[in-house]
């Protein structure tokens, strides 16, 4: 084989690689365009709030607490949070001895996790908190929340 015979194959290979990179980049951009990003924010006035600083609504949100070197506990479901909005976590008030975590989905049911502890916040793709039975999950409006 000489160089003339390899040239069409090389062009085809470059085209396939370019198409693959373009497809991957477009898919990533589409997900980022609707991805919610929830962060826990503390203020003296409100206590703990959950703010959506992402690009899409956060849905199916469950908040949990974790003591140092302990297990996640006290899951509570909260309503969806729109882009640029917040939800006051009234039952947490001014708690300062626990880590906080949230699992949630975007409108296409892709799961995400936000964890805050010791003034360090992280957001992950996928579920990083335990899965609870529905009967174990409290409601933000219920006085008998777990």
Protein backbone atom coordinates (compact mmCIF):
# COMPACT_ATOMS: atom_id res chain seq x y z
CA UNK A 1 0.00 0.00 0.00
CA UNK A 2 1.20 3.45 -0.76
CA UNK A 3 0.31 6.87 0.67
CA UNK A 4 -2.35 7.52 -2.01
CA UNK A 5 -4.27 4.43 -0.88
CA UNK A 6 -4.16 5.44 2.80
CA UNK A 7 -5.29 9.03 2.27
CA UNK A 8 -9.06 8.26 1.88
CA UNK A 9 -8.96 6.01 4.95
CA UNK A 10 -7.25 8.76 6.96
CA UNK A 11 -9.86 11.32 5.89
CA UNK A 12 -12.65 8.92 6.86
CA UNK A 13 -11.05 8.30 10.26
CA UNK A 14 -10.70 12.04 10.95
CA UNK A 15 -14.37 12.53 9.96
CA UNK A 16 -15.57 9.80 12.34
CA UNK A 17 -13.50 11.21 15.21
CA UNK A 18 -14.78 14.76 14.54
CA UNK A 19 -18.39 13.55 14.40
CA UNK A 20 -17.97 11.64 17.68
CA UNK A 21 -16.48 14.65 19.48
CA UNK A 22 -19.21 16.93 18.12
CA UNK A 23 -21.98 14.52 19.20
CA UNK A 24 -20.52 14.13 22.71
CA UNK A 25 -20.07 17.91 23.08
CA UNK A 26 -23.64 18.66 21.91
CA UNK A 27 -25.09 16.07 24.29
CA UNK A 28 -23.10 17.48 27.22
CA UNK A 29 -24.22 21.02 26.37
CA UNK A 30 -27.86 19.90 26.18
CA UNK A 31 -27.65 18.31 29.64
CA UNK A 32 -25.84 21.31 31.16
CA UNK A 33 -28.52 23.59 29.71
CA UNK A 34 -31.23 21.96 31.87
CA UNK A 35 -29.18 20.72 34.84
CA UNK A 36 -30.31 21.91 38.26
CA UNK A 37 -27.58 22.61 40.81
CA UNK A 38 -28.74 22.76 44.42
CA UNK A 39 -26.60 24.33 47.14
CA UNK A 40 -27.19 24.69 50.86
CA UNK A 41 -26.89 28.28 52.06
CA UNK A 42 -26.99 29.49 55.66
CA UNK A 43 -28.05 32.95 56.79
CA UNK A 44 -28.67 34.36 60.27
CA UNK A 45 -32.12 35.56 59.22
CA UNK A 46 -33.54 32.42 57.56
CA UNK A 47 -31.32 29.61 58.79
CA UNK A 48 -30.73 26.95 56.12
CA UNK A 49 -32.06 27.37 52.58
CA UNK A 50 -31.67 25.26 49.48
CA UNK A 51 -30.95 27.38 46.40
CA UNK A 52 -31.08 26.28 42.78
CA UNK A 53 -28.16 27.98 41.03
CA UNK A 54 -28.39 25.69 37.99
CA UNK A 55 -30.09 26.04 34.63
CA UNK A 56 -33.23 23.98 35.15
CA UNK A 57 -35.80 23.02 37.77
CA UNK A 58 -34.89 20.56 40.53
CA UNK A 59 -37.54 17.92 41.10
CA UNK A 60 -38.17 14.96 43.43
CA UNK A 61 -35.95 16.51 46.11
CA UNK A 62 -35.11 14.64 49.30
CA UNK A 63 -33.03 16.34 52.01
CA UNK A 64 -31.14 14.31 54.62
CA UNK A 65 -28.77 14.98 57.51
CA UNK A 66 -25.56 13.24 58.54
CA UNK A 67 -23.65 13.44 61.79
CA UNK A 68 -19.85 13.25 61.72
CA UNK A 69 -18.84 9.65 60.93
CA UNK A 70 -22.52 8.70 61.04
CA UNK A 71 -25.18 7.50 58.63
CA UNK A 72 -27.54 9.63 56.59
CA UNK A 73 -30.82 10.08 58.48
CA UNK A 74 -34.06 12.05 58.69
CA UNK A 75 -34.95 12.23 54.98
CA UNK A 76 -37.52 14.90 54.14
CA UNK A 77 -39.18 15.53 50.76
CA UNK A 78 -39.53 19.14 49.58
CA UNK A 79 -41.33 20.60 46.57
CA UNK A 80 -39.60 21.34 43.24
CA UNK A 81 -37.32 24.38 43.13
CA UNK A 82 -37.28 26.50 39.98
CA UNK A 83 -34.11 27.89 38.45
CA UNK A 84 -32.96 30.90 40.50
CA UNK A 85 -35.28 30.08 43.42
CA UNK A 86 -34.80 28.87 46.97
CA UNK A 87 -36.63 26.85 49.59
CA UNK A 88 -36.26 27.58 53.31
CA UNK A 89 -35.51 24.41 55.29
CA UNK A 90 -37.51 25.51 58.34
CA UNK A 91 -37.16 22.25 60.28
CA UNK A 92 -33.35 22.58 60.22
CA UNK A 93 -33.45 26.12 61.63
CA UNK A 94 -29.89 26.92 62.73
CA UNK A 95 -28.55 23.36 62.93
CA UNK A 96 -24.77 23.36 62.81
CA UNK A 97 -23.77 19.87 63.90
CA UNK A 98 -24.76 17.91 60.80
CA UNK A 99 -23.81 17.55 57.18
CA UNK A 100 -26.62 18.09 54.70
CA UNK A 101 -27.38 16.24 51.52
CA UNK A 102 -29.94 16.45 48.75
CA UNK A 103 -30.82 13.98 46.04
CA UNK A 104 -32.90 15.31 43.17
CA UNK A 105 -33.64 14.93 39.48
CA UNK A 106 -33.94 17.17 36.45
CA UNK A 107 -37.12 17.13 34.35
CA UNK A 108 -35.76 14.20 32.32
CA UNK A 109 -35.31 12.15 35.53
CA UNK A 110 -31.49 12.28 35.58
CA UNK A 111 -30.34 12.04 39.21
CA UNK A 112 -27.96 14.41 41.02
CA UNK A 113 -26.65 14.75 44.56
CA UNK A 114 -25.54 17.85 46.50
CA UNK A 115 -23.63 17.46 49.76
CA UNK A 116 -22.58 20.16 52.20
CA UNK A 117 -20.50 19.60 55.30
CA UNK A 118 -17.86 21.54 57.16
CA UNK A 119 -18.40 24.49 54.77
CA UNK A 120 -17.52 22.31 51.77
CA UNK A 121 -20.13 21.92 49.01
CA UNK A 122 -20.05 19.31 46.25
CA UNK A 123 -22.41 18.35 43.45
CA UNK A 124 -22.36 14.89 41.86
CA UNK A 125 -24.06 13.24 38.92
CA UNK A 126 -26.11 10.28 40.15
CA UNK A 127 -27.39 9.25 43.58
CA UNK A 128 -24.79 9.36 46.38
CA UNK A 129 -27.21 9.12 49.32
CA UNK A 130 -29.09 6.02 50.45
CA UNK A 131 -32.46 5.07 49.02
CA UNK A 132 -35.27 5.21 51.56
CA UNK A 133 -38.69 3.58 51.53
CA UNK A 134 -41.50 6.07 50.93
CA UNK A 135 -42.82 5.53 54.48
CA UNK A 136 -39.41 6.58 55.88
CA UNK A 137 -39.45 9.97 54.13
CA UNK A 138 -40.90 12.89 56.07
CA UNK A 139 -42.73 15.85 54.55
CA UNK A 140 -41.53 19.42 55.02
CA UNK A 141 -45.03 20.55 56.03
CA UNK A 142 -45.65 17.78 58.56
CA UNK A 143 -45.13 18.39 62.28
CA UNK A 144 -44.39 14.63 62.61
CA UNK A 145 -41.45 14.65 60.22
CA UNK A 146 -38.83 12.05 61.03
